[in-house]
C-alpha cells in the first residue's frame, strides 16, 4: 500500500449555522468557496479524516468511530 502525505488543516466552523446566516463581509461565502475547491487541491483522496473538537467534554478519552455519527447540538451553558 502506498501512502501519500496529506496536509493538516484547521477549518473553523464559524458562528452557529454560518452558511445560513447573512454574509455582508463575504466571510462565509469565502469559506464555502475554499471548502468546495479543497478536494481538487489534495494530493490524493484521503482514506480517513480526523476531526478534533473542543466542544465535547468527557471525564475519560472518548472516540467516535461511526461512519455517520449523530449531530451534537451544544448551544447551551454560555
Protein backbone atom coordinates (compact mmCIF):
# COMPACT_ATOMS: atom_id res chain seq x y z
CA UNK A 1 0.00 0.00 0.00
CA UNK A 2 1.34 3.41 -0.97
CA UNK A 3 0.64 6.37 1.28
CA UNK A 4 0.54 10.00 0.19
CA UNK A 5 1.19 12.68 2.82
CA UNK A 6 -1.81 14.95 3.29
CA UNK A 7 -1.90 18.49 4.64
CA UNK A 8 -3.16 19.22 8.14
CA UNK A 9 -6.00 21.74 8.01
CA UNK A 10 -7.68 23.92 10.58
CA UNK A 11 -11.23 24.55 9.44
CA UNK A 12 -13.24 26.82 11.76
CA UNK A 13 -16.96 26.28 11.87
CA UNK A 14 -17.86 29.94 12.19
CA UNK A 15 -20.60 31.17 14.45
CA UNK A 16 -23.57 28.87 14.59
CA UNK A 17 -25.08 27.90 11.25
CA UNK A 18 -22.76 30.26 9.37
CA UNK A 19 -23.70 29.16 5.85
CA UNK A 20 -27.33 30.05 6.51
CA UNK A 21 -26.65 33.47 8.06
CA UNK A 22 -26.37 36.88 6.42
CA UNK A 23 -22.88 37.37 4.98
CA UNK A 24 -22.27 41.11 4.50
CA UNK A 25 -18.46 40.78 4.51
CA UNK A 26 -18.28 37.62 2.37
CA UNK A 27 -16.61 35.58 5.12
CA UNK A 28 -18.93 32.57 4.87
CA UNK A 29 -19.01 32.74 1.07
CA UNK A 30 -15.20 32.70 1.02
CA UNK A 31 -15.10 29.72 3.36
CA UNK A 32 -17.68 27.86 1.26
CA UNK A 33 -15.64 28.53 -1.89
CA UNK A 34 -12.46 27.27 -0.17
CA UNK A 35 -14.16 24.10 1.09
CA UNK A 36 -15.74 23.36 -2.31
CA UNK A 37 -12.34 23.65 -4.04
CA UNK A 38 -10.43 21.67 -1.40
CA UNK A 39 -10.85 18.14 -2.83
CA UNK A 40 -9.14 19.13 -6.09
CA UNK A 41 -6.20 20.63 -4.16
CA UNK A 42 -5.42 17.49 -2.15
CA UNK A 43 -2.63 15.24 -3.44
CA UNK A 44 -4.90 12.16 -3.14
CA UNK A 45 -8.30 11.17 -1.81
CA UNK A 46 -8.00 10.76 1.98
CA UNK A 47 -8.61 7.27 3.34
CA UNK A 48 -9.75 8.77 6.66
CA UNK A 49 -10.39 12.18 8.20
CA UNK A 50 -9.65 13.01 11.82
CA UNK A 51 -11.83 15.70 13.41
CA UNK A 52 -10.87 17.11 16.79
CA UNK A 53 -13.42 19.26 18.59
CA UNK A 54 -13.19 21.31 21.73
CA UNK A 55 -16.98 21.26 22.05
CA UNK A 56 -17.35 17.88 23.67
CA UNK A 57 -16.12 17.04 27.15
CA UNK A 58 -15.96 13.67 28.87
CA UNK A 59 -14.23 12.52 32.04
CA UNK A 60 -12.30 9.93 30.01
CA UNK A 61 -10.96 9.79 26.47
CA UNK A 62 -13.84 9.24 24.04
CA UNK A 63 -13.61 8.30 20.37
CA UNK A 64 -16.48 8.11 17.89
CA UNK A 65 -15.88 5.56 15.16
CA UNK A 66 -19.24 5.69 13.43
CA UNK A 67 -19.32 6.35 9.67
CA UNK A 68 -22.34 8.61 10.33
CA UNK A 69 -22.17 9.93 13.91
CA UNK A 70 -25.20 11.83 15.20
CA UNK A 71 -25.15 15.62 15.18
CA UNK A 72 -24.49 17.03 18.64
CA UNK A 73 -26.05 20.39 19.47
CA UNK A 74 -24.03 22.04 22.22
CA UNK A 75 -25.51 25.54 22.16
CA UNK A 76 -26.15 25.84 25.87
CA UNK A 77 -24.40 26.82 29.09
CA UNK A 78 -22.86 30.06 27.81
